[in-house]
N, C-alpha and C. Protein backbone atom coordinates (compact mmCIF):
# COMPACT_ATOMS: atom_id res chain seq x y z
N MET A 1 44.27 -24.13 -47.17
CA MET A 1 43.64 -25.43 -47.33
C MET A 1 42.23 -25.40 -46.75
N LEU A 2 42.10 -24.84 -45.57
CA LEU A 2 40.79 -24.76 -44.94
C LEU A 2 39.85 -23.86 -45.75
N ALA A 3 40.39 -22.78 -46.28
CA ALA A 3 39.57 -21.87 -47.09
C ALA A 3 39.10 -22.58 -48.36
N LEU A 4 39.95 -23.41 -48.95
CA LEU A 4 39.54 -24.15 -50.14
C LEU A 4 38.43 -25.15 -49.83
N LEU A 5 38.54 -25.82 -48.70
CA LEU A 5 37.49 -26.75 -48.30
C LEU A 5 36.18 -26.03 -48.04
N LEU A 6 36.25 -24.87 -47.37
CA LEU A 6 35.03 -24.11 -47.11
C LEU A 6 34.39 -23.63 -48.41
N ARG A 7 35.21 -23.20 -49.35
CA ARG A 7 34.66 -22.79 -50.65
C ARG A 7 34.04 -23.97 -51.38
N LEU A 8 34.68 -25.12 -51.31
CA LEU A 8 34.15 -26.32 -51.95
C LEU A 8 32.79 -26.69 -51.37
N PHE A 9 32.67 -26.65 -50.04
CA PHE A 9 31.41 -26.99 -49.39
C PHE A 9 30.35 -25.93 -49.64
N ALA A 10 30.76 -24.68 -49.80
CA ALA A 10 29.80 -23.63 -50.08
C ALA A 10 29.27 -23.76 -51.51
N LEU A 11 30.11 -24.20 -52.41
CA LEU A 11 29.69 -24.34 -53.79
C LEU A 11 28.90 -25.62 -54.04
N ARG A 12 29.17 -26.62 -53.26
CA ARG A 12 28.49 -27.90 -53.43
C ARG A 12 27.80 -28.30 -52.11
N PRO A 13 26.60 -27.80 -51.87
CA PRO A 13 25.96 -28.07 -50.57
C PRO A 13 25.61 -29.54 -50.39
N LEU A 14 25.33 -30.26 -51.47
CA LEU A 14 25.01 -31.68 -51.31
C LEU A 14 26.22 -32.48 -50.84
N LEU A 15 27.40 -32.10 -51.32
CA LEU A 15 28.62 -32.77 -50.87
C LEU A 15 28.85 -32.50 -49.39
N SER A 16 28.66 -31.25 -48.97
CA SER A 16 28.87 -30.95 -47.56
C SER A 16 27.81 -31.64 -46.70
N MET A 17 26.59 -31.77 -47.22
CA MET A 17 25.56 -32.49 -46.47
C MET A 17 25.91 -33.97 -46.36
N ALA A 18 26.47 -34.53 -47.42
CA ALA A 18 26.86 -35.94 -47.38
C ALA A 18 28.00 -36.17 -46.41
N ILE A 19 28.91 -35.21 -46.31
CA ILE A 19 30.07 -35.41 -45.44
C ILE A 19 29.72 -35.09 -43.99
N PHE A 20 29.03 -33.97 -43.76
CA PHE A 20 28.77 -33.54 -42.39
C PHE A 20 27.36 -33.88 -41.90
N GLY A 21 26.38 -33.79 -42.78
CA GLY A 21 24.99 -33.89 -42.34
C GLY A 21 24.55 -35.28 -41.97
N ILE A 22 24.87 -36.27 -42.78
CA ILE A 22 24.37 -37.63 -42.54
C ILE A 22 24.96 -38.24 -41.26
N PRO A 23 26.26 -38.11 -41.01
CA PRO A 23 26.75 -38.65 -39.73
C PRO A 23 26.15 -37.94 -38.52
N ILE A 24 25.92 -36.64 -38.62
CA ILE A 24 25.31 -35.91 -37.50
C ILE A 24 23.87 -36.36 -37.31
N LEU A 25 23.14 -36.53 -38.40
CA LEU A 25 21.77 -37.02 -38.29
C LEU A 25 21.73 -38.44 -37.72
N ALA A 26 22.70 -39.25 -38.11
CA ALA A 26 22.75 -40.61 -37.58
C ALA A 26 23.03 -40.60 -36.08
N LEU A 27 23.94 -39.73 -35.63
CA LEU A 27 24.22 -39.63 -34.20
C LEU A 27 23.01 -39.13 -33.42
N VAL A 28 22.31 -38.17 -33.97
CA VAL A 28 21.10 -37.66 -33.31
C VAL A 28 20.05 -38.76 -33.23
N ALA A 29 19.87 -39.52 -34.30
CA ALA A 29 18.88 -40.60 -34.30
C ALA A 29 19.25 -41.68 -33.29
N ILE A 30 20.52 -42.03 -33.21
CA ILE A 30 20.96 -43.04 -32.24
C ILE A 30 20.74 -42.53 -30.82
N GLY A 31 21.02 -41.26 -30.58
CA GLY A 31 20.80 -40.68 -29.25
C GLY A 31 19.33 -40.68 -28.87
N VAL A 32 18.45 -40.33 -29.81
CA VAL A 32 17.01 -40.31 -29.52
C VAL A 32 16.51 -41.72 -29.23
N VAL A 33 16.95 -42.69 -30.00
CA VAL A 33 16.53 -44.08 -29.76
C VAL A 33 17.04 -44.58 -28.42
N THR A 34 18.26 -44.21 -28.05
CA THR A 34 18.82 -44.62 -26.77
C THR A 34 18.03 -44.02 -25.61
N VAL A 35 17.74 -42.74 -25.70
CA VAL A 35 16.97 -42.09 -24.63
C VAL A 35 15.58 -42.70 -24.54
N PHE A 36 14.94 -42.98 -25.67
CA PHE A 36 13.62 -43.60 -25.68
C PHE A 36 13.66 -44.99 -25.04
N ALA A 37 14.68 -45.77 -25.36
CA ALA A 37 14.80 -47.11 -24.79
C ALA A 37 15.03 -47.05 -23.28
N LEU A 38 15.83 -46.10 -22.82
CA LEU A 38 16.07 -45.96 -21.39
C LEU A 38 14.81 -45.52 -20.66
N LYS A 39 14.03 -44.62 -21.27
CA LYS A 39 12.79 -44.20 -20.64
C LYS A 39 11.81 -45.36 -20.54
N ILE A 40 11.71 -46.17 -21.57
CA ILE A 40 10.84 -47.35 -21.52
C ILE A 40 11.31 -48.30 -20.42
N LEU A 41 12.61 -48.50 -20.33
CA LEU A 41 13.15 -49.40 -19.31
C LEU A 41 12.87 -48.88 -17.91
N ILE A 42 13.12 -47.60 -17.68
CA ILE A 42 12.98 -47.05 -16.33
C ILE A 42 11.52 -46.88 -15.93
N PHE A 43 10.69 -46.38 -16.83
CA PHE A 43 9.33 -46.01 -16.44
C PHE A 43 8.28 -47.08 -16.72
N ILE A 44 8.60 -48.11 -17.49
CA ILE A 44 7.61 -49.14 -17.79
C ILE A 44 8.08 -50.51 -17.31
N VAL A 45 9.25 -50.94 -17.73
CA VAL A 45 9.71 -52.30 -17.44
C VAL A 45 10.05 -52.48 -15.96
N LEU A 46 10.83 -51.56 -15.40
CA LEU A 46 11.23 -51.72 -14.00
C LEU A 46 10.06 -51.65 -13.02
N PRO A 47 9.10 -50.73 -13.17
CA PRO A 47 7.95 -50.78 -12.25
C PRO A 47 7.14 -52.07 -12.37
N ILE A 48 6.96 -52.58 -13.58
CA ILE A 48 6.23 -53.85 -13.74
C ILE A 48 6.98 -54.98 -13.05
N LEU A 49 8.29 -55.04 -13.22
CA LEU A 49 9.07 -56.09 -12.56
C LEU A 49 9.04 -55.94 -11.05
N LEU A 50 9.07 -54.71 -10.55
CA LEU A 50 9.02 -54.47 -9.12
C LEU A 50 7.68 -54.91 -8.53
N ILE A 51 6.59 -54.57 -9.20
CA ILE A 51 5.27 -54.99 -8.73
C ILE A 51 5.15 -56.51 -8.78
N TRP A 52 5.62 -57.12 -9.85
CA TRP A 52 5.57 -58.58 -9.96
C TRP A 52 6.38 -59.24 -8.85
N TRP A 53 7.56 -58.70 -8.54
CA TRP A 53 8.41 -59.25 -7.49
C TRP A 53 7.76 -59.10 -6.13
N LEU A 54 7.14 -57.93 -5.87
CA LEU A 54 6.48 -57.72 -4.58
C LEU A 54 5.28 -58.64 -4.41
N VAL A 55 4.47 -58.80 -5.45
CA VAL A 55 3.31 -59.70 -5.37
C VAL A 55 3.78 -61.12 -5.13
N LYS A 56 4.79 -61.54 -5.83
CA LYS A 56 5.33 -62.89 -5.66
C LYS A 56 5.86 -63.09 -4.24
N ARG A 57 6.52 -62.08 -3.72
CA ARG A 57 7.10 -62.18 -2.38
C ARG A 57 6.00 -62.23 -1.31
N PHE A 58 4.96 -61.39 -1.45
CA PHE A 58 3.90 -61.39 -0.45
C PHE A 58 3.05 -62.65 -0.52
N ARG A 59 2.85 -63.20 -1.69
CA ARG A 59 2.10 -64.45 -1.81
C ARG A 59 2.87 -65.60 -1.16
N ARG A 60 4.18 -65.61 -1.36
CA ARG A 60 4.99 -66.66 -0.78
C ARG A 60 5.01 -66.56 0.74
N SER A 61 5.07 -65.34 1.26
CA SER A 61 5.14 -65.18 2.73
C SER A 61 3.78 -65.35 3.39
N SER A 62 2.68 -65.16 2.65
CA SER A 62 1.36 -65.27 3.27
C SER A 62 0.81 -66.69 3.23
N THR A 63 1.39 -67.59 2.48
CA THR A 63 0.89 -68.98 2.46
C THR A 63 1.32 -69.70 3.72
N PRO A 64 0.44 -70.50 4.30
CA PRO A 64 0.80 -71.20 5.55
C PRO A 64 1.82 -72.31 5.26
N LEU A 65 2.59 -72.58 6.26
CA LEU A 65 3.59 -73.64 6.12
C LEU A 65 2.91 -75.00 6.24
N ASP A 66 3.30 -75.94 5.41
CA ASP A 66 2.67 -77.27 5.40
C ASP A 66 3.42 -78.28 6.27
N THR A 67 4.42 -77.85 6.97
CA THR A 67 5.21 -78.81 7.74
C THR A 67 4.66 -79.04 9.11
């Protein structure tokens, strides 16, 4: 059975690409997009939020009390 499937895929490369290639390409694309999104989150969004939080905190603590 396995030999018949291998012969079928060898004779029809487009069929084997449709069965094996497209899902693998889709998984690779999803992985690349996920890694890209995590890098943007870690290296761009989180430092901006940290700087914003620190500036907000220091401004609040440096203002004199009005009481």
